[in-house]
Amino acid sequence: MEKTQQGVAGKHQWLVNDLGAKRDLLKAGLGWGHLPRHLVDEDLASGRLVELERRAWHLGPLTFMTSQRRGHDLSPCESRLVELLGEVT
């Protein structure tokens, strides 16, 4: 199994192998980074973390696309992914 590397940007770059460790670094004030909303909802509500406005980032808008094989229905997981990504155009 290949490990995924997560990073926290700041004065130094911190690399970790799981999102829990990344969240801990962010809560310790060591930089900024991206995390799934469900992992930080409580931290945002309590003020332990704050959300940065996207316009402050160097990234432009992101576009997600999906495809479906003709004659095959989407699985429940695929259907949920499409739902979460928003309207398919």
PDB file of N, CA and C in Angstrom:
ATOM      1  N   MET A   1       0.845  -1.175   0.000  1.00  0.00           N
ATOM      2  CA  MET A   1       0.000   0.000   0.000  1.00  0.00           C
ATOM      3  C   MET A   1       0.895   1.244   0.000  1.00  0.00           C
ATOM      4  N   GLU A   2       0.639   2.152  -0.920  1.00  0.00           N
ATOM      5  CA  GLU A   2       1.414   3.386  -1.018  1.00  0.00           C
ATOM      6  C   GLU A   2       0.914   4.409  -0.008  1.00  0.00           C
ATOM      7  N   LYS A   3       1.846   5.062   0.700  1.00  0.00           N
ATOM      8  CA  LYS A   3       1.468   6.072   1.682  1.00  0.00           C
ATOM      9  C   LYS A   3       1.236   7.402   0.993  1.00  0.00           C
ATOM     10  N   THR A   4       0.254   8.138   1.472  1.00  0.00           N
ATOM     11  CA  THR A   4      -0.025   9.470   0.973  1.00  0.00           C
ATOM     12  C   THR A   4       0.662  10.466   1.890  1.00  0.00           C
ATOM     13  N   GLN A   5       1.295  11.456   1.305  1.00  0.00           N
ATOM     14  CA  GLN A   5       1.982  12.454   2.110  1.00  0.00           C
ATOM     15  C   GLN A   5       1.171  13.738   2.130  1.00  0.00           C
ATOM     16  N   GLN A   6       0.922  14.258   3.332  1.00  0.00           N
ATOM     17  CA  GLN A   6       0.173  15.490   3.532  1.00  0.00           C
ATOM     18  C   GLN A   6       1.136  16.567   3.986  1.00  0.00           C
ATOM     19  N   GLY A   7       0.870  17.808   3.629  1.00  0.00           N
ATOM     20  CA  GLY A   7       1.761  18.881   4.031  1.00  0.00           C
ATOM     21  C   GLY A   7       1.038  20.020   4.732  1.00  0.00           C
ATOM     22  N   VAL A   8       1.794  20.730   5.568  1.00  0.00           N
ATOM     23  CA  VAL A   8       1.340  21.958   6.217  1.00  0.00           C
ATOM     24  C   VAL A   8       2.314  23.034   5.806  1.00  0.00           C
ATOM     25  N   ALA A   9       1.825  24.086   5.159  1.00  0.00           N
ATOM     26  CA  ALA A   9       2.682  25.169   4.683  1.00  0.00           C
ATOM     27  C   ALA A   9       2.793  26.244   5.750  1.00  0.00           C
ATOM     28  N   GLY A  10       3.935  26.850   5.839  1.00  0.00           N
ATOM     29  CA  GLY A  10       4.193  27.926   6.781  1.00  0.00           C
ATOM     30  C   GLY A  10       5.633  28.363   6.608  1.00  0.00           C
ATOM     31  N   LYS A  11       6.253  28.837   7.676  1.00  0.00           N
ATOM     32  CA  LYS A  11       7.658  29.223   7.606  1.00  0.00           C
ATOM     33  C   LYS A  11       8.501  28.014   7.202  1.00  0.00           C
ATOM     34  N   HIS A  12       8.128  26.847   7.709  1.00  0.00           N
ATOM     35  CA  HIS A  12       8.736  25.578   7.329  1.00  0.00           C
ATOM     36  C   HIS A  12       7.638  24.697   6.753  1.00  0.00           C
ATOM     37  N   GLN A  13       8.017  23.708   5.957  1.00  0.00           N
ATOM     38  CA  GLN A  13       7.012  22.773   5.451  1.00  0.00           C
ATOM     39  C   GLN A  13       7.094  21.490   6.266  1.00  0.00           C
ATOM     40  N   TRP A  14       5.954  21.078   6.815  1.00  0.00           N
ATOM     41  CA  TRP A  14       5.859  19.870   7.621  1.00  0.00           C
ATOM     42  C   TRP A  14       5.166  18.799   6.786  1.00  0.00           C
ATOM     43  N   LEU A  15       5.759  17.626   6.678  1.00  0.00           N
ATOM     44  CA  LEU A  15       5.160  16.526   5.921  1.00  0.00           C
ATOM     45  C   LEU A  15       4.783  15.408   6.877  1.00  0.00           C
ATOM     46  N   VAL A  16       3.548  14.938   6.765  1.00  0.00           N
ATOM     47  CA  VAL A  16       3.034  13.875   7.620  1.00  0.00           C
ATOM     48  C   VAL A  16       2.308  12.858   6.753  1.00  0.00           C
ATOM     49  N   ASN A  17       1.996  11.690   7.318  1.00  0.00           N
ATOM     50  CA  ASN A  17       1.353  10.633   6.549  1.00  0.00           C
ATOM     51  C   ASN A  17      -0.105  10.397   6.890  1.00  0.00           C
ATOM     52  N   ASP A  18      -0.687  11.236   7.750  1.00  0.00           N
ATOM     53  CA  ASP A  18      -2.122  11.086   7.973  1.00  0.00           C
ATOM     54  C   ASP A  18      -2.750  12.429   8.331  1.00  0.00           C
ATOM     55  N   LEU A  19      -4.044  12.509   8.088  1.00  0.00           N
ATOM     56  CA  LEU A  19      -4.752  13.773   8.277  1.00  0.00           C
ATOM     57  C   LEU A  19      -4.885  14.163   9.742  1.00  0.00           C
ATOM     58  N   GLY A  20      -4.902  13.191  10.648  1.00  0.00           N
ATOM     59  CA  GLY A  20      -4.966  13.502  12.073  1.00  0.00           C
ATOM     60  C   GLY A  20      -3.718  14.253  12.527  1.00  0.00           C
ATOM     61  N   ALA A  21      -2.557  13.789  12.065  1.00  0.00           N
ATOM     62  CA  ALA A  21      -1.306  14.471  12.408  1.00  0.00           C
ATOM     63  C   ALA A  21      -1.268  15.860  11.774  1.00  0.00           C
ATOM     64  N   LYS A  22      -1.776  15.981  10.568  1.00  0.00           N
ATOM     65  CA  LYS A  22      -1.816  17.286   9.902  1.00  0.00           C
ATOM     66  C   LYS A  22      -2.706  18.251  10.697  1.00  0.00           C
ATOM     67  N   ARG A  23      -3.855  17.756  11.133  1.00  0.00           N
ATOM     68  CA  ARG A  23      -4.770  18.577  11.935  1.00  0.00           C
ATOM     69  C   ARG A  23      -4.091  19.032  13.224  1.00  0.00           C
ATOM     70  N   ASP A  24      -3.352  18.138  13.855  1.00  0.00           N
ATOM     71  CA  ASP A  24      -2.639  18.498  15.087  1.00  0.00           C
ATOM     72  C   ASP A  24      -1.611  19.607  14.839  1.00  0.00           C
ATOM     73  N   LEU A  25      -0.889  19.539  13.715  1.00  0.00           N
ATOM     74  CA  LEU A  25       0.083  20.588  13.390  1.00  0.00           C
ATOM     75  C   LEU A  25      -0.612  21.928  13.158  1.00  0.00           C
ATOM     76  N   LEU A  26      -1.748  21.891  12.473  1.00  0.00           N
ATOM     77  CA  LEU A  26      -2.490  23.129  12.228  1.00  0.00           C
ATOM     78  C   LEU A  26      -2.998  23.719  13.547  1.00  0.00           C
ATOM     79  N   LYS A  27      -3.522  22.878  14.427  1.00  0.00           N
ATOM     80  CA  LYS A  27      -4.018  23.357  15.722  1.00  0.00           C
ATOM     81  C   LYS A  27      -2.880  23.901  16.589  1.00  0.00           C
ATOM     82  N   ALA A  28      -1.663  23.421  16.363  1.00  0.00           N
ATOM     83  CA  ALA A  28      -0.507  23.921  17.109  1.00  0.00           C
ATOM     84  C   ALA A  28       0.003  25.245  16.539  1.00  0.00           C
ATOM     85  N   GLY A  29      -0.611  25.703  15.436  1.00  0.00           N
ATOM     86  CA  GLY A  29      -0.240  26.993  14.861  1.00  0.00           C
ATOM     87  C   GLY A  29       1.020  26.964  14.020  1.00  0.00           C
ATOM     88  N   LEU A  30       1.336  25.799  13.455  1.00  0.00           N
ATOM     89  CA  LEU A  30       2.576  25.675  12.687  1.00  0.00           C
ATOM     90  C   LEU A  30       2.437  26.011  11.216  1.00  0.00           C
ATOM     91  N   GLY A  31       1.283  26.460  10.762  1.00  0.00           N
ATOM     92  CA  GLY A  31       1.116  26.823   9.357  1.00  0.00           C
ATOM     93  C   GLY A  31      -0.335  26.750   8.945  1.00  0.00           C
ATOM     94  N   TRP A  32      -0.552  26.554   7.639  1.00  0.00           N
ATOM     95  CA  TRP A  32      -1.902  26.438   7.101  1.00  0.00           C
ATOM     96  C   TRP A  32      -1.942  25.259   6.146  1.00  0.00           C
ATOM     97  N   GLY A  33      -3.139  24.744   5.888  1.00  0.00           N
ATOM     98  CA  GLY A  33      -3.283  23.617   4.974  1.00  0.00           C
ATOM     99  C   GLY A  33      -4.744  23.318   4.712  1.00  0.00           C
ATOM    100  N   HIS A  34      -4.973  22.377   3.839  1.00  0.00           N
ATOM    101  CA  HIS A  34      -6.318  21.953   3.448  1.00  0.00           C
ATOM    102  C   HIS A  34      -6.689  20.696   4.236  1.00  0.00           C
ATOM    103  N   LEU A  35      -7.896  20.655   4.747  1.00  0.00           N
ATOM    104  CA  LEU A  35      -8.426  19.459   5.403  1.00  0.00           C
ATOM    105  C   LEU A  35      -9.900  19.320   5.058  1.00  0.00           C
ATOM    106  N   PRO A  36     -10.406  18.077   4.998  1.00  0.00           N
ATOM    107  CA  PRO A  36     -11.839  17.896   4.767  1.00  0.00           C
ATOM    108  C   PRO A  36     -12.645  18.573   5.880  1.00  0.00           C
ATOM    109  N   ARG A  37     -13.739  19.198   5.503  1.00  0.00           N
ATOM    110  CA  ARG A  37     -14.572  19.970   6.424  1.00  0.00           C
ATOM    111  C   ARG A  37     -14.993  19.153   7.649  1.00  0.00           C
ATOM    112  N   HIS A  38     -15.386  17.890   7.432  1.00  0.00           N
ATOM    113  CA  HIS A  38     -15.888  17.101   8.559  1.00  0.00           C
ATOM    114  C   HIS A  38     -14.817  16.859   9.624  1.00  0.00           C
ATOM    115  N   LEU A  39     -13.557  16.952   9.260  1.00  0.00           N
ATOM    116  CA  LEU A  39     -12.485  16.756  10.236  1.00  0.00           C
ATOM    117  C   LEU A  39     -12.229  17.994  11.097  1.00  0.00           C
ATOM    118  N   VAL A  40     -12.668  19.155  10.638  1.00  0.00           N
ATOM    119  CA  VAL A  40     -12.357  20.393  11.357  1.00  0.00           C
ATOM    120  C   VAL A  40     -13.585  21.167  11.812  1.00  0.00           C
ATOM    121  N   ASP A  41     -14.774  20.636  11.589  1.00  0.00           N
ATOM    122  CA  ASP A  41     -16.004  21.355  11.978  1.00  0.00           C
ATOM    123  C   ASP A  41     -15.975  21.799  13.441  1.00  0.00           C
ATOM    124  N   GLU A  42     -15.625  20.898  14.349  1.00  0.00           N
ATOM    125  CA  GLU A  42     -15.608  21.245  15.778  1.00  0.00           C
ATOM    126  C   GLU A  42     -14.525  22.272  16.081  1.00  0.00           C
ATOM    127  N   ASP A  43     -13.366  22.131  15.444  1.00  0.00           N
ATOM    128  CA  ASP A  43     -12.271  23.083  15.661  1.00  0.00           C
ATOM    129  C   ASP A  43     -12.636  24.474  15.160  1.00  0.00           C
ATOM    130  N   LEU A  44     -13.353  24.547  14.049  1.00  0.00           N
ATOM    131  CA  LEU A  44     -13.796  25.842  13.526  1.00  0.00           C
ATOM    132  C   LEU A  44     -14.834  26.462  14.457  1.00  0.00           C
ATOM    133  N   ALA A  45     -15.776  25.630  14.924  1.00  0.00           N
ATOM    134  CA  ALA A  45     -16.837  26.133  15.811  1.00  0.00           C
ATOM    135  C   ALA A  45     -16.270  26.650  17.132  1.00  0.00           C
ATOM    136  N   SER A  46     -15.215  26.006  17.636  1.00  0.00           N
ATOM    137  CA  SER A  46     -14.639  26.403  18.928  1.00  0.00           C
ATOM    138  C   SER A  46     -13.600  27.515  18.793  1.00  0.00           C
ATOM    139  N   GLY A  47     -13.181  27.803  17.543  1.00  0.00           N
ATOM    140  CA  GLY A  47     -12.171  28.834  17.340  1.00  0.00           C
ATOM    141  C   GLY A  47     -10.741  28.328  17.412  1.00  0.00           C
ATOM    142  N   ARG A  48     -10.561  27.002  17.589  1.00  0.00           N
ATOM    143  CA  ARG A  48      -9.204  26.451  17.613  1.00  0.00           C
ATOM    144  C   ARG A  48      -8.542  26.576  16.243  1.00  0.00           C
ATOM    145  N   LEU A  49      -9.353  26.543  15.183  1.00  0.00           N
ATOM    146  CA  LEU A  49      -8.886  26.772  13.812  1.00  0.00           C
ATOM    147  C   LEU A  49      -9.772  27.834  13.183  1.00  0.00           C
ATOM    148  N   VAL A  50      -9.239  28.539  12.208  1.00  0.00           N
ATOM    149  CA  VAL A  50     -10.035  29.508  11.452  1.00  0.00           C
ATOM    150  C   VAL A  50      -9.922  29.165   9.973  1.00  0.00           C
ATOM    151  N   GLU A  51     -10.973  29.477   9.244  1.00  0.00           N
ATOM    152  CA  GLU A  51     -10.989  29.212   7.808  1.00  0.00           C
ATOM    153  C   GLU A  51     -10.438  30.424   7.065  1.00  0.00           C
ATOM    154  N   LEU A  52      -9.498  30.166   6.172  1.00  0.00           N
ATOM    155  CA  LEU A  52      -8.952  31.230   5.331  1.00  0.00           C
ATOM    156  C   LEU A  52      -9.829  31.383   4.104  1.00  0.00           C
ATOM    157  N   GLU A  53     -10.025  32.605   3.664  1.00  0.00           N
ATOM    158  CA  GLU A  53     -10.810  32.825   2.459  1.00  0.00           C
ATOM    159  C   GLU A  53     -10.001  32.409   1.247  1.00  0.00           C
ATOM    160  N   ARG A  54     -10.652  31.732   0.336  1.00  0.00           N
ATOM    161  CA  ARG A  54      -9.989  31.180  -0.846  1.00  0.00           C
ATOM    162  C   ARG A  54      -9.266  32.239  -1.663  1.00  0.00           C
ATOM    163  N   ARG A  55      -9.760  33.443  -1.714  1.00  0.00           N
ATOM    164  CA  ARG A  55      -9.131  34.467  -2.540  1.00  0.00           C
ATOM    165  C   ARG A  55      -7.704  34.770  -2.087  1.00  0.00           C
ATOM    166  N   ALA A  56      -7.372  34.392  -0.846  1.00  0.00           N
ATOM    167  CA  ALA A  56      -6.023  34.615  -0.336  1.00  0.00           C
ATOM    168  C   ALA A  56      -5.061  33.541  -0.821  1.00  0.00           C
ATOM    169  N   TRP A  57      -5.565  32.492  -1.435  1.00  0.00           N
ATOM    170  CA  TRP A  57      -4.714  31.395  -1.872  1.00  0.00           C
ATOM    171  C   TRP A  57      -4.203  31.669  -3.277  1.00  0.00           C
ATOM    172  N   HIS A  58      -3.173  30.976  -3.660  1.00  0.00           N
ATOM    173  CA  HIS A  58      -2.587  31.120  -4.981  1.00  0.00           C
ATOM    174  C   HIS A  58      -3.264  30.220  -6.010  1.00  0.00           C
ATOM    175  N   LEU A  59      -4.247  29.436  -5.581  1.00  0.00           N
ATOM    176  CA  LEU A  59      -4.908  28.508  -6.484  1.00  0.00           C
ATOM    177  C   LEU A  59      -6.114  29.159  -7.151  1.00  0.00           C
ATOM    178  N   GLY A  60      -6.344  28.817  -8.383  1.00  0.00           N
ATOM    179  CA  GLY A  60      -7.540  29.277  -9.079  1.00  0.00           C
ATOM    180  C   GLY A  60      -8.687  28.315  -8.813  1.00  0.00           C
ATOM    181  N   PRO A  61      -9.817  28.532  -9.459  1.00  0.00           N
ATOM    182  CA  PRO A  61     -10.967  27.638  -9.284  1.00  0.00           C
ATOM    183  C   PRO A  61     -10.623  26.216  -9.722  1.00  0.00           C
ATOM    184  N   LEU A  62     -11.251  25.247  -9.092  1.00  0.00           N
ATOM    185  CA  LEU A  62     -11.043  23.849  -9.435  1.00  0.00           C
ATOM    186  C   LEU A  62     -12.248  23.339 -10.207  1.00  0.00           C
ATOM    187  N   THR A  63     -11.998  22.521 -11.215  1.00  0.00           N
ATOM    188  CA  THR A  63     -13.063  21.910 -11.998  1.00  0.00           C
ATOM    189  C   THR A  63     -12.975  20.405 -11.826  1.00  0.00           C
ATOM    190  N   PHE A  64     -14.092  19.773 -11.479  1.00  0.00           N
ATOM    191  CA  PHE A  64     -14.151  18.326 -11.353  1.00  0.00           C
ATOM    192  C   PHE A  64     -15.056  17.787 -12.446  1.00  0.00           C
ATOM    193  N   MET A  65     -14.658  16.681 -13.042  1.00  0.00           N
ATOM    194  CA  MET A  65     -15.468  16.050 -14.080  1.00  0.00           C
ATOM    195  C   MET A  65     -15.620  14.574 -13.750  1.00  0.00           C
ATOM    196  N   THR A  66     -16.747  14.028 -14.139  1.00  0.00           N
ATOM    197  CA  THR A  66     -16.981  12.601 -13.961  1.00  0.00           C
ATOM    198  C   THR A  66     -17.362  12.017 -15.316  1.00  0.00           C
ATOM    199  N   SER A  67     -17.205  10.732 -15.438  1.00  0.00           N
ATOM    200  CA  SER A  67     -17.657  10.048 -16.653  1.00  0.00           C
ATOM    201  C   SER A  67     -18.380   8.777 -16.238  1.00  0.00           C
ATOM    202  N   GLN A  68     -19.218   8.300 -17.129  1.00  0.00           N
ATOM    203  CA  GLN A  68     -19.990   7.099 -16.842  1.00  0.00           C
ATOM    204  C   GLN A  68     -19.960   6.209 -18.073  1.00  0.00           C
ATOM    205  N   ARG A  69     -19.724   4.942 -17.876  1.00  0.00           N
ATOM    206  CA  ARG A  69     -19.704   3.992 -18.984  1.00  0.00           C
ATOM    207  C   ARG A  69     -21.121   3.768 -19.498  1.00  0.00           C
ATOM    208  N   ARG A  70     -21.282   3.866 -20.804  1.00  0.00           N
ATOM    209  CA  ARG A  70     -22.607   3.684 -21.399  1.00  0.00           C
ATOM    210  C   ARG A  70     -23.202   2.338 -21.016  1.00  0.00           C
ATOM    211  N   GLY A  71     -24.484   2.358 -20.665  1.00  0.00           N
ATOM    212  CA  GLY A  71     -25.184   1.124 -20.349  1.00  0.00           C
ATOM    213  C   GLY A  71     -24.963   0.619 -18.929  1.00  0.00           C
ATOM    214  N   HIS A  72     -24.222   1.376 -18.121  1.00  0.00           N
ATOM    215  CA  HIS A  72     -23.960   0.962 -16.748  1.00  0.00           C
ATOM    216  C   HIS A  72     -24.445   2.043 -15.778  1.00  0.00           C
ATOM    217  N   ASP A  73     -25.149   1.617 -14.748  1.00  0.00           N
ATOM    218  CA  ASP A  73     -25.598   2.549 -13.717  1.00  0.00           C
ATOM    219  C   ASP A  73     -24.441   2.876 -12.781  1.00  0.00           C
ATOM    220  N   LEU A  74     -24.536   4.041 -12.172  1.00  0.00           N
ATOM    221  CA  LEU A  74     -23.544   4.404 -11.168  1.00  0.00           C
ATOM    222  C   LEU A  74     -23.772   3.581  -9.905  1.00  0.00           C
ATOM    223  N   SER A  75     -22.688   3.221  -9.233  1.00  0.00           N
ATOM    224  CA  SER A  75     -22.819   2.538  -7.946  1.00  0.00           C
ATOM    225  C   SER A  75     -23.293   3.557  -6.915  1.00  0.00           C
ATOM    226  N   PRO A  76     -23.756   3.118  -5.757  1.00  0.00           N
ATOM    227  CA  PRO A  76     -24.153   4.065  -4.713  1.00  0.00           C
ATOM    228  C   PRO A  76     -23.011   5.031  -4.346  1.00  0.00           C
ATOM    229  N   CYS A  77     -21.802   4.534  -4.308  1.00  0.00           N
ATOM    230  CA  CYS A  77     -20.649   5.381  -3.990  1.00  0.00           C
ATOM    231  C   CYS A  77     -20.429   6.428  -5.082  1.00  0.00           C
ATOM    232  N   GLU A  78     -20.500   6.001  -6.333  1.00  0.00           N
ATOM    233  CA  GLU A  78     -20.321   6.943  -7.445  1.00  0.00           C
ATOM    234  C   GLU A  78     -21.438   7.984  -7.466  1.00  0.00           C
ATOM    235  N   SER A  79     -22.660   7.556  -7.200  1.00  0.00           N
ATOM    236  CA  SER A  79     -23.787   8.492  -7.164  1.00  0.00           C
ATOM    237  C   SER A  79     -23.586   9.536  -6.080  1.00  0.00           C
ATOM    238  N   ARG A  80     -23.097   9.107  -4.913  1.00  0.00           N
ATOM    239  CA  ARG A  80     -22.863  10.046  -3.805  1.00  0.00           C
ATOM    240  C   ARG A  80     -21.756  11.030  -4.161  1.00  0.00           C
ATOM    241  N   LEU A  81     -20.704  10.552  -4.838  1.00  0.00           N
ATOM    242  CA  LEU A  81     -19.622  11.431  -5.259  1.00  0.00           C
ATOM    243  C   LEU A  81     -20.144  12.513  -6.194  1.00  0.00           C
ATOM    244  N   VAL A  82     -20.952  12.127  -7.166  1.00  0.00           N
ATOM    245  CA  VAL A  82     -21.520  13.097  -8.104  1.00  0.00           C
ATOM    246  C   VAL A  82     -22.376  14.102  -7.337  1.00  0.00           C
ATOM    247  N   GLU A  83     -23.153  13.622  -6.392  1.00  0.00           N
ATOM    248  CA  GLU A  83     -23.991  14.503  -5.569  1.00  0.00           C
ATOM    249  C   GLU A  83     -23.131  15.511  -4.798  1.00  0.00           C
ATOM    250  N   LEU A  84     -22.043  15.034  -4.205  1.00  0.00           N
ATOM    251  CA  LEU A  84     -21.165  15.920  -3.428  1.00  0.00           C
ATOM    252  C   LEU A  84     -20.442  16.929  -4.299  1.00  0.00           C
ATOM    253  N   LEU A  85     -20.098  16.543  -5.514  1.00  0.00           N
ATOM    254  CA  LEU A  85     -19.387  17.466  -6.410  1.00  0.00           C
ATOM    255  C   LEU A  85     -20.316  18.542  -6.961  1.00  0.00           C
ATOM    256  N   GLY A  86     -21.598  18.288  -6.921  1.00  0.00           N
ATOM    257  CA  GLY A  86     -22.542  19.297  -7.404  1.00  0.00           C
ATOM    258  C   GLY A  86     -23.128  18.899  -8.728  1.00  0.00           C
ATOM    259  N   GLU A  87     -23.740  19.832  -9.359  1.00  0.00           N
ATOM    260  CA  GLU A  87     -24.427  19.586 -10.610  1.00  0.00           C
ATOM    261  C   GLU A  87     -23.452  19.222 -11.707  1.00  0.00           C
ATOM    262  N   VAL A  88     -23.732  18.133 -12.410  1.00  0.00           N
ATOM    263  CA  VAL A  88     -22.901  17.691 -13.533  1.00  0.00           C
ATOM    264  C   VAL A  88     -23.398  18.408 -14.785  1.00  0.00           C
ATOM    265  N   THR A  89     -22.473  19.034 -15.508  1.00  0.00           N
ATOM    266  CA  THR A  89     -22.876  19.745 -16.740  1.00  0.00           C
ATOM    267  C   THR A  89     -22.372  19.031 -17.964  1.00  0.00           C
TER     268      THR A  89
END
